[in-house]
Amino acid sequence: MFEKKLGSRLDLGNCDETAQKLDDAFKDGYKLKQAFARDGFYWHFVKPVGACLGELLRLHAGHEWIKEAGEAPQMKVRLKEGESTVYPFDKVFKQLAVGESGDLVAFVEFAKTVDRVAERIGDQ
């Protein structure tokens, strides 16, 4: 769908490249919103882009989807000393509103290493 709408093919198997392509799509927020807009729902792009971001985290960072009634899907990441929650759909909103180029790439890269970072912090 992303390729048809924006001319860029996403490969969930290639985490770094896909994170960069998602990040690049935010360079023109109007184009991104228009590509996925539905009648009466201009912000529809949040669904496919958030789902893609979440799948990158699931496949490459070990996050797990959690769905609670009445809430947007979120993700849990298990850490040595507990767990943390990540909100990929909220991240998409924030990226459009206040994000800068490279933020999504950094978000995904951090997600891939958060368990190691948390372990190092706990060892101090």
C-alpha atoms as a PDB file:
ATOM      1  CA  MET A   1       0.000   0.000   0.000  1.00  0.00           C
ATOM      2  CA  PHE A   2       2.830   2.413   0.857  1.00  0.00           C
ATOM      3  CA  GLU A   3       4.435   1.821  -2.529  1.00  0.00           C
ATOM      4  CA  LYS A   4       1.175   2.468  -4.376  1.00  0.00           C
ATOM      5  CA  LYS A   5       0.455   5.627  -2.380  1.00  0.00           C
ATOM      6  CA  LEU A   6       3.943   7.144  -2.035  1.00  0.00           C
ATOM      7  CA  GLY A   7       6.105   5.288  -4.554  1.00  0.00           C
ATOM      8  CA  SER A   8       8.386   3.716  -1.962  1.00  0.00           C
ATOM      9  CA  ARG A   9       8.423  -0.021  -1.250  1.00  0.00           C
ATOM     10  CA  LEU A  10       8.747  -1.039   2.391  1.00  0.00           C
ATOM     11  CA  ASP A  11      10.452  -4.282   3.350  1.00  0.00           C
ATOM     12  CA  LEU A  12       9.781  -5.174   6.986  1.00  0.00           C
ATOM     13  CA  GLY A  13      12.717  -7.569   6.829  1.00  0.00           C
ATOM     14  CA  ASN A  14      15.072  -4.631   6.298  1.00  0.00           C
ATOM     15  CA  CYS A  15      14.590  -2.632   9.479  1.00  0.00           C
ATOM     16  CA  ASP A  16      17.037   0.206   8.903  1.00  0.00           C
ATOM     17  CA  GLU A  17      15.960   0.908   5.338  1.00  0.00           C
ATOM     18  CA  THR A  18      12.269   0.800   6.213  1.00  0.00           C
ATOM     19  CA  ALA A  19      12.737   3.074   9.227  1.00  0.00           C
ATOM     20  CA  GLN A  20      14.505   5.552   6.953  1.00  0.00           C
ATOM     21  CA  LYS A  21      11.724   5.398   4.358  1.00  0.00           C
ATOM     22  CA  LEU A  22       9.088   5.982   7.026  1.00  0.00           C
ATOM     23  CA  ASP A  23      11.108   8.895   8.358  1.00  0.00           C
ATOM     24  CA  ASP A  24      11.484  10.326   4.841  1.00  0.00           C
ATOM     25  CA  ALA A  25       7.721  10.172   4.319  1.00  0.00           C
ATOM     26  CA  PHE A  26       7.295  12.791   7.055  1.00  0.00           C
ATOM     27  CA  LYS A  27       9.336  15.357   5.126  1.00  0.00           C
ATOM     28  CA  ASP A  28       6.091  16.256   3.345  1.00  0.00           C
ATOM     29  CA  GLY A  29       3.379  15.782   5.949  1.00  0.00           C
ATOM     30  CA  TYR A  30       0.664  17.069   3.639  1.00  0.00           C
ATOM     31  CA  LYS A  31       1.531  14.483   0.983  1.00  0.00           C
ATOM     32  CA  LEU A  32       1.632  11.719   3.596  1.00  0.00           C
ATOM     33  CA  LYS A  33      -1.780  12.653   4.992  1.00  0.00           C
ATOM     34  CA  GLN A  34      -3.307  13.010   1.530  1.00  0.00           C
ATOM     35  CA  ALA A  35      -1.969   9.632   0.381  1.00  0.00           C
ATOM     36  CA  PHE A  36      -3.988   7.742   2.988  1.00  0.00           C
ATOM     37  CA  ALA A  37      -6.895  10.147   3.635  1.00  0.00           C
ATOM     38  CA  ARG A  38     -10.420   8.784   3.777  1.00  0.00           C
ATOM     39  CA  ASP A  39     -13.666  10.709   3.483  1.00  0.00           C
ATOM     40  CA  GLY A  40     -14.113  12.446   6.799  1.00  0.00           C
ATOM     41  CA  PHE A  41     -10.840  11.052   8.175  1.00  0.00           C
ATOM     42  CA  TYR A  42      -7.868  13.087   7.009  1.00  0.00           C
ATOM     43  CA  TRP A  43      -5.602  11.536   9.658  1.00  0.00           C
ATOM     44  CA  HIS A  44      -6.072   7.949   8.458  1.00  0.00           C
ATOM     45  CA  PHE A  45      -2.349   7.706   7.625  1.00  0.00           C
ATOM     46  CA  VAL A  46      -1.698   7.140  11.348  1.00  0.00           C
ATOM     47  CA  LYS A  47      -3.172   3.638  11.098  1.00  0.00           C
ATOM     48  CA  PRO A  48      -0.969   2.131   8.356  1.00  0.00           C
ATOM     49  CA  VAL A  49       2.165   4.057   9.311  1.00  0.00           C
ATOM     50  CA  GLY A  50       1.732   3.276  13.027  1.00  0.00           C
ATOM     51  CA  ALA A  51       1.092  -0.380  12.242  1.00  0.00           C
ATOM     52  CA  CYS A  52       4.232  -0.529  10.085  1.00  0.00           C
ATOM     53  CA  LEU A  53       6.300   1.145  12.798  1.00  0.00           C
ATOM     54  CA  GLY A  54       4.937  -1.301  15.360  1.00  0.00           C
ATOM     55  CA  GLU A  55       5.719  -4.269  13.161  1.00  0.00           C
ATOM     56  CA  LEU A  56       9.314  -3.088  12.813  1.00  0.00           C
ATOM     57  CA  LEU A  57       9.512  -3.017  16.605  1.00  0.00           C
ATOM     58  CA  ARG A  58       7.899  -6.440  16.892  1.00  0.00           C
ATOM     59  CA  LEU A  59      10.160  -8.068  14.326  1.00  0.00           C
ATOM     60  CA  HIS A  60      13.457  -6.388  15.170  1.00  0.00           C
ATOM     61  CA  ALA A  61      13.212  -5.250  18.789  1.00  0.00           C
ATOM     62  CA  GLY A  62      11.147  -7.987  20.424  1.00  0.00           C
ATOM     63  CA  HIS A  63       8.196  -5.753  21.303  1.00  0.00           C
ATOM     64  CA  GLU A  64       4.761  -7.369  21.690  1.00  0.00           C
ATOM     65  CA  TRP A  65       1.414  -5.944  20.588  1.00  0.00           C
ATOM     66  CA  ILE A  66      -1.111  -5.401  23.397  1.00  0.00           C
ATOM     67  CA  LYS A  67      -4.723  -4.405  22.739  1.00  0.00           C
ATOM     68  CA  GLU A  68      -6.973  -3.246  25.537  1.00  0.00           C
ATOM     69  CA  ALA A  69     -10.663  -2.500  24.972  1.00  0.00           C
ATOM     70  CA  GLY A  70     -11.257   1.115  24.004  1.00  0.00           C
ATOM     71  CA  GLU A  71      -7.543   1.879  23.610  1.00  0.00           C
ATOM     72  CA  ALA A  72      -5.241   2.144  20.630  1.00  0.00           C
ATOM     73  CA  PRO A  73      -2.914  -0.838  20.283  1.00  0.00           C
ATOM     74  CA  GLN A  74       0.301  -0.420  22.215  1.00  0.00           C
ATOM     75  CA  MET A  75       3.431  -2.471  22.648  1.00  0.00           C
ATOM     76  CA  LYS A  76       5.250  -3.967  25.596  1.00  0.00           C
ATOM     77  CA  VAL A  77       8.946  -4.563  25.728  1.00  0.00           C
ATOM     78  CA  ARG A  78      10.253  -6.822  28.445  1.00  0.00           C
ATOM     79  CA  LEU A  79      13.349  -5.639  30.230  1.00  0.00           C
ATOM     80  CA  LYS A  80      15.603  -7.352  32.742  1.00  0.00           C
ATOM     81  CA  GLU A  81      13.840  -5.573  35.605  1.00  0.00           C
ATOM     82  CA  GLY A  82      10.238  -5.390  34.296  1.00  0.00           C
ATOM     83  CA  GLU A  83       8.730  -3.951  31.173  1.00  0.00           C
ATOM     84  CA  SER A  84       8.043  -0.725  29.334  1.00  0.00           C
ATOM     85  CA  THR A  85       5.216   0.424  27.087  1.00  0.00           C
ATOM     86  CA  VAL A  86       5.600   1.933  23.614  1.00  0.00           C
ATOM     87  CA  TYR A  87       2.863   3.651  21.619  1.00  0.00           C
ATOM     88  CA  PRO A  88       3.646   3.475  17.876  1.00  0.00           C
ATOM     89  CA  PHE A  89       0.455   5.258  16.800  1.00  0.00           C
ATOM     90  CA  ASP A  90       1.128   8.129  19.202  1.00  0.00           C
ATOM     91  CA  LYS A  91       4.693   8.311  17.892  1.00  0.00           C
ATOM     92  CA  VAL A  92       3.328   8.833  14.377  1.00  0.00           C
ATOM     93  CA  PHE A  93       1.166  11.748  15.588  1.00  0.00           C
ATOM     94  CA  LYS A  94       4.115  13.264  17.420  1.00  0.00           C
ATOM     95  CA  GLN A  95       6.420  12.804  14.455  1.00  0.00           C
ATOM     96  CA  LEU A  96       4.109  14.826  12.244  1.00  0.00           C
ATOM     97  CA  ALA A  97       3.478  17.489  14.883  1.00  0.00           C
ATOM     98  CA  VAL A  98       6.933  18.107  16.327  1.00  0.00           C
ATOM     99  CA  GLY A  99       9.323  15.510  14.914  1.00  0.00           C
ATOM    100  CA  GLU A 100      12.482  16.270  13.051  1.00  0.00           C
ATOM    101  CA  SER A 101      14.171  14.405  10.260  1.00  0.00           C
ATOM    102  CA  GLY A 102      15.904  11.346  11.688  1.00  0.00           C
ATOM    103  CA  ASP A 103      13.671  11.016  14.759  1.00  0.00           C
ATOM    104  CA  LEU A 104      11.901   7.849  13.584  1.00  0.00           C
ATOM    105  CA  VAL A 105      15.188   6.241  12.632  1.00  0.00           C
ATOM    106  CA  ALA A 106      16.559   7.028  16.095  1.00  0.00           C
ATOM    107  CA  PHE A 107      13.344   5.757  17.733  1.00  0.00           C
ATOM    108  CA  VAL A 108      13.647   2.400  15.972  1.00  0.00           C
ATOM    109  CA  GLU A 109      17.382   2.142  16.629  1.00  0.00           C
ATOM    110  CA  PHE A 110      16.863   2.824  20.328  1.00  0.00           C
ATOM    111  CA  ALA A 111      14.044   0.241  20.462  1.00  0.00           C
ATOM    112  CA  LYS A 112      16.430  -2.365  19.047  1.00  0.00           C
ATOM    113  CA  THR A 113      18.918  -1.710  21.851  1.00  0.00           C
ATOM    114  CA  VAL A 114      16.740  -0.692  24.815  1.00  0.00           C
ATOM    115  CA  ASP A 115      17.128  -4.019  26.591  1.00  0.00           C
ATOM    116  CA  ARG A 116      20.926  -3.723  26.495  1.00  0.00           C
ATOM    117  CA  VAL A 117      20.829  -0.063  27.562  1.00  0.00           C
ATOM    118  CA  ALA A 118      18.488  -0.839  30.470  1.00  0.00           C
ATOM    119  CA  GLU A 119      20.736  -3.722  31.538  1.00  0.00           C
ATOM    120  CA  ARG A 120      23.818  -1.481  31.560  1.00  0.00           C
ATOM    121  CA  ILE A 121      22.003   1.174  33.594  1.00  0.00           C
ATOM    122  CA  GLY A 122      20.871  -1.473  36.083  1.00  0.00           C
ATOM    123  CA  ASP A 123      24.427  -2.734  36.492  1.00  0.00           C
ATOM    124  CA  GLN A 124      25.736   0.669  37.594  1.00  0.00           C
END
